[in-house]
Amino acid sequence: MASGGAPYGVRCGTARRRPWDARERGSFTAELAVGLPALMFLLVAGLTAVDAVTTRAGCVDAAREAALAAARGEPGPPAATRYAPAGAEVTLTVTGDRVTATVRAPVRTFGTRLPRSTVSGVAVAAVEPGAPGPVS
């Protein structure tokens, strides 16, 4: 024996252990099986939220263009369709000297069984003086 009491070739406190205890075998697989669906749900929800924000921004742009065009006496819906997202509906309302444009569009969800949602954008413009009148 060496002077420290341990046999030759073995250092004290550095005994080799197995990297995984027998009780912990398969724990990574179980944690992955539980965590992966939650991670996928968060990914789908995040992508849908980004798409909803982008679609809403397109609706607001299209509503602004439709309201301004109608206030100048031009047809509003053709102006809106250049900026509107796919499948959008354009509605123009004239009240006194104001034109209100509303654009609604469906949001594409990432998944076939998820419910569809709709976002909208609204813009109001004053009828310009000397314009021939709002065109719906």
C-alpha atoms as a PDB file:
ATOM      1  CA  MET A   1       0.000   0.000   0.000  1.00  0.00           C
ATOM      2  CA  ALA A   2       0.991   3.541  -0.586  1.00  0.00           C
ATOM      3  CA  SER A   3       1.670   5.919   2.230  1.00  0.00           C
ATOM      4  CA  GLY A   4      -1.883   7.380   2.035  1.00  0.00           C
ATOM      5  CA  GLY A   5      -3.603   4.061   2.666  1.00  0.00           C
ATOM      6  CA  ALA A   6      -4.893   3.489  -0.874  1.00  0.00           C
ATOM      7  CA  PRO A   7      -3.640   0.677  -3.093  1.00  0.00           C
ATOM      8  CA  TYR A   8      -1.217   1.525  -5.867  1.00  0.00           C
ATOM      9  CA  GLY A   9      -2.810   3.035  -8.991  1.00  0.00           C
ATOM     10  CA  VAL A  10      -5.979   4.293  -7.274  1.00  0.00           C
ATOM     11  CA  ARG A  11      -6.232   7.894  -6.141  1.00  0.00           C
ATOM     12  CA  CYS A  12      -8.403   8.826  -3.243  1.00  0.00           C
ATOM     13  CA  GLY A  13     -11.674  10.605  -4.165  1.00  0.00           C
ATOM     14  CA  THR A  14     -11.462   9.933  -7.890  1.00  0.00           C
ATOM     15  CA  ALA A  15     -13.193   6.575  -8.069  1.00  0.00           C
ATOM     16  CA  ARG A  16     -14.804   5.980 -11.446  1.00  0.00           C
ATOM     17  CA  ARG A  17     -18.562   6.186 -11.504  1.00  0.00           C
ATOM     18  CA  ARG A  18     -20.937   5.331 -14.270  1.00  0.00           C
ATOM     19  CA  PRO A  19     -22.144   8.476 -16.083  1.00  0.00           C
ATOM     20  CA  TRP A  20     -25.810   7.608 -15.499  1.00  0.00           C
ATOM     21  CA  ASP A  21     -27.288   5.965 -12.530  1.00  0.00           C
ATOM     22  CA  ALA A  22     -29.499   2.967 -13.300  1.00  0.00           C
ATOM     23  CA  ARG A  23     -32.499   4.822 -11.832  1.00  0.00           C
ATOM     24  CA  GLU A  24     -32.141   7.660 -14.356  1.00  0.00           C
ATOM     25  CA  ARG A  25     -32.068   5.574 -17.529  1.00  0.00           C
ATOM     26  CA  GLY A  26     -34.731   6.791 -19.977  1.00  0.00           C
ATOM     27  CA  SER A  27     -35.458  10.009 -18.090  1.00  0.00           C
ATOM     28  CA  PHE A  28     -34.317  12.144 -21.032  1.00  0.00           C
ATOM     29  CA  THR A  29     -36.694  10.303 -23.335  1.00  0.00           C
ATOM     30  CA  ALA A  30     -39.591  10.820 -20.940  1.00  0.00           C
ATOM     31  CA  GLU A  31     -38.816  14.514 -20.530  1.00  0.00           C
ATOM     32  CA  LEU A  32     -38.554  14.923 -24.303  1.00  0.00           C
ATOM     33  CA  ALA A  33     -41.873  13.115 -24.814  1.00  0.00           C
ATOM     34  CA  VAL A  34     -43.567  15.536 -22.425  1.00  0.00           C
ATOM     35  CA  GLY A  35     -41.767  18.703 -23.503  1.00  0.00           C
ATOM     36  CA  LEU A  36     -41.793  18.337 -27.280  1.00  0.00           C
ATOM     37  CA  PRO A  37     -45.586  18.719 -27.737  1.00  0.00           C
ATOM     38  CA  ALA A  38     -45.548  21.811 -25.519  1.00  0.00           C
ATOM     39  CA  LEU A  39     -42.680  23.245 -27.541  1.00  0.00           C
ATOM     40  CA  MET A  40     -44.515  22.548 -30.806  1.00  0.00           C
ATOM     41  CA  PHE A  41     -47.661  24.226 -29.462  1.00  0.00           C
ATOM     42  CA  LEU A  42     -45.665  27.330 -28.547  1.00  0.00           C
ATOM     43  CA  LEU A  43     -44.060  27.375 -31.984  1.00  0.00           C
ATOM     44  CA  VAL A  44     -47.451  27.148 -33.750  1.00  0.00           C
ATOM     45  CA  ALA A  45     -48.943  29.829 -31.477  1.00  0.00           C
ATOM     46  CA  GLY A  46     -45.979  32.132 -32.082  1.00  0.00           C
ATOM     47  CA  LEU A  47     -46.089  31.727 -35.869  1.00  0.00           C
ATOM     48  CA  THR A  48     -49.846  32.325 -35.888  1.00  0.00           C
ATOM     49  CA  ALA A  49     -49.413  35.466 -33.772  1.00  0.00           C
ATOM     50  CA  VAL A  50     -46.748  36.820 -36.135  1.00  0.00           C
ATOM     51  CA  ASP A  51     -49.019  36.115 -39.110  1.00  0.00           C
ATOM     52  CA  ALA A  52     -51.942  37.863 -37.363  1.00  0.00           C
ATOM     53  CA  VAL A  53     -49.854  40.982 -36.710  1.00  0.00           C
ATOM     54  CA  THR A  54     -48.639  41.044 -40.314  1.00  0.00           C
ATOM     55  CA  THR A  55     -52.180  40.584 -41.653  1.00  0.00           C
ATOM     56  CA  ARG A  56     -53.491  43.358 -39.409  1.00  0.00           C
ATOM     57  CA  ALA A  57     -50.804  45.732 -40.639  1.00  0.00           C
ATOM     58  CA  GLY A  58     -51.850  44.955 -44.216  1.00  0.00           C
ATOM     59  CA  CYS A  59     -55.498  45.613 -43.304  1.00  0.00           C
ATOM     60  CA  VAL A  60     -54.628  48.992 -41.779  1.00  0.00           C
ATOM     61  CA  ASP A  61     -52.613  49.975 -44.877  1.00  0.00           C
ATOM     62  CA  ALA A  62     -55.422  48.914 -47.212  1.00  0.00           C
ATOM     63  CA  ALA A  63     -58.059  50.745 -45.142  1.00  0.00           C
ATOM     64  CA  ARG A  64     -55.977  53.923 -45.176  1.00  0.00           C
ATOM     65  CA  GLU A  65     -55.555  53.789 -48.946  1.00  0.00           C
ATOM     66  CA  ALA A  66     -59.272  53.082 -49.498  1.00  0.00           C
ATOM     67  CA  ALA A  67     -60.364  55.942 -47.223  1.00  0.00           C
ATOM     68  CA  LEU A  68     -57.972  58.417 -48.843  1.00  0.00           C
ATOM     69  CA  ALA A  69     -58.971  57.380 -52.368  1.00  0.00           C
ATOM     70  CA  ALA A  70     -62.686  57.649 -51.571  1.00  0.00           C
ATOM     71  CA  ALA A  71     -62.141  61.050 -49.926  1.00  0.00           C
ATOM     72  CA  ARG A  72     -60.514  62.298 -53.152  1.00  0.00           C
ATOM     73  CA  GLY A  73     -63.492  61.103 -55.198  1.00  0.00           C
ATOM     74  CA  GLU A  74     -61.840  57.951 -56.558  1.00  0.00           C
ATOM     75  CA  PRO A  75     -63.184  54.425 -56.082  1.00  0.00           C
ATOM     76  CA  GLY A  76     -61.952  53.111 -52.726  1.00  0.00           C
ATOM     77  CA  PRO A  77     -62.113  49.297 -53.054  1.00  0.00           C
ATOM     78  CA  PRO A  78     -59.723  49.070 -56.034  1.00  0.00           C
ATOM     79  CA  ALA A  79     -57.203  51.168 -54.099  1.00  0.00           C
ATOM     80  CA  ALA A  80     -57.557  48.864 -51.105  1.00  0.00           C
ATOM     81  CA  THR A  81     -57.110  45.630 -53.045  1.00  0.00           C
ATOM     82  CA  ARG A  82     -53.576  46.622 -54.031  1.00  0.00           C
ATOM     83  CA  TYR A  83     -52.518  46.601 -50.356  1.00  0.00           C
ATOM     84  CA  ALA A  84     -55.010  44.205 -48.758  1.00  0.00           C
ATOM     85  CA  PRO A  85     -54.034  40.672 -47.720  1.00  0.00           C
ATOM     86  CA  ALA A  86     -55.500  37.727 -49.618  1.00  0.00           C
ATOM     87  CA  GLY A  87     -59.186  37.119 -48.951  1.00  0.00           C
ATOM     88  CA  ALA A  88     -59.832  40.574 -47.483  1.00  0.00           C
ATOM     89  CA  GLU A  89     -63.220  42.313 -47.520  1.00  0.00           C
ATOM     90  CA  VAL A  90     -63.376  46.090 -47.983  1.00  0.00           C
ATOM     91  CA  THR A  91     -66.289  48.151 -46.645  1.00  0.00           C
ATOM     92  CA  LEU A  92     -66.685  51.902 -47.153  1.00  0.00           C
ATOM     93  CA  THR A  93     -69.102  54.070 -45.193  1.00  0.00           C
ATOM     94  CA  VAL A  94     -69.758  57.749 -45.907  1.00  0.00           C
ATOM     95  CA  THR A  95     -71.113  59.807 -43.006  1.00  0.00           C
ATOM     96  CA  GLY A  96     -71.405  63.522 -43.691  1.00  0.00           C
ATOM     97  CA  ASP A  97     -67.950  64.739 -44.620  1.00  0.00           C
ATOM     98  CA  ARG A  98     -66.084  61.643 -43.397  1.00  0.00           C
ATOM     99  CA  VAL A  99     -65.247  58.373 -45.122  1.00  0.00           C
ATOM    100  CA  THR A 100     -64.647  55.277 -43.011  1.00  0.00           C
ATOM    101  CA  ALA A 101     -62.943  52.256 -44.571  1.00  0.00           C
ATOM    102  CA  THR A 102     -62.894  48.880 -42.869  1.00  0.00           C
ATOM    103  CA  VAL A 103     -60.825  45.964 -44.145  1.00  0.00           C
ATOM    104  CA  ARG A 104     -61.280  42.480 -42.665  1.00  0.00           C
ATOM    105  CA  ALA A 105     -59.063  39.516 -43.505  1.00  0.00           C
ATOM    106  CA  PRO A 106     -58.803  35.943 -42.233  1.00  0.00           C
ATOM    107  CA  VAL A 107     -55.639  34.891 -40.451  1.00  0.00           C
ATOM    108  CA  ARG A 108     -54.047  31.712 -41.688  1.00  0.00           C
ATOM    109  CA  THR A 109     -53.490  29.322 -38.799  1.00  0.00           C
ATOM    110  CA  PHE A 110     -50.774  26.722 -38.860  1.00  0.00           C
ATOM    111  CA  GLY A 111     -52.852  23.615 -38.393  1.00  0.00           C
ATOM    112  CA  THR A 112     -55.914  22.179 -40.065  1.00  0.00           C
ATOM    113  CA  ARG A 113     -58.096  21.732 -36.998  1.00  0.00           C
ATOM    114  CA  LEU A 114     -57.467  25.107 -35.414  1.00  0.00           C
ATOM    115  CA  PRO A 115     -60.225  27.725 -35.622  1.00  0.00           C
ATOM    116  CA  ARG A 116     -59.788  30.616 -38.009  1.00  0.00           C
ATOM    117  CA  SER A 117     -59.658  34.150 -36.705  1.00  0.00           C
ATOM    118  CA  THR A 118     -60.233  37.452 -38.448  1.00  0.00           C
ATOM    119  CA  VAL A 119     -58.397  40.736 -38.016  1.00  0.00           C
ATOM    120  CA  SER A 120     -59.481  44.147 -39.230  1.00  0.00           C
ATOM    121  CA  GLY A 121     -58.148  47.585 -39.883  1.00  0.00           C
ATOM    122  CA  VAL A 122     -60.129  50.841 -39.850  1.00  0.00           C
ATOM    123  CA  ALA A 123     -59.237  54.231 -41.278  1.00  0.00           C
ATOM    124  CA  VAL A 124     -61.170  57.521 -41.397  1.00  0.00           C
ATOM    125  CA  ALA A 125     -60.539  60.351 -43.825  1.00  0.00           C
ATOM    126  CA  ALA A 126     -62.221  63.734 -44.289  1.00  0.00           C
ATOM    127  CA  VAL A 127     -63.689  64.452 -47.699  1.00  0.00           C
ATOM    128  CA  GLU A 128     -61.402  66.880 -49.483  1.00  0.00           C
ATOM    129  CA  PRO A 129     -62.864  70.245 -50.391  1.00  0.00           C
ATOM    130  CA  GLY A 130     -63.614  70.537 -54.091  1.00  0.00           C
ATOM    131  CA  ALA A 131     -63.642  66.753 -54.562  1.00  0.00           C
ATOM    132  CA  PRO A 132     -66.539  65.414 -56.641  1.00  0.00           C
ATOM    133  CA  GLY A 133     -67.774  63.420 -53.621  1.00  0.00           C
ATOM    134  CA  PRO A 134     -66.851  60.132 -52.043  1.00  0.00           C
ATOM    135  CA  VAL A 135     -67.137  57.055 -54.225  1.00  0.00           C
ATOM    136  CA  SER A 136     -67.988  53.778 -52.498  1.00  0.00           C
END
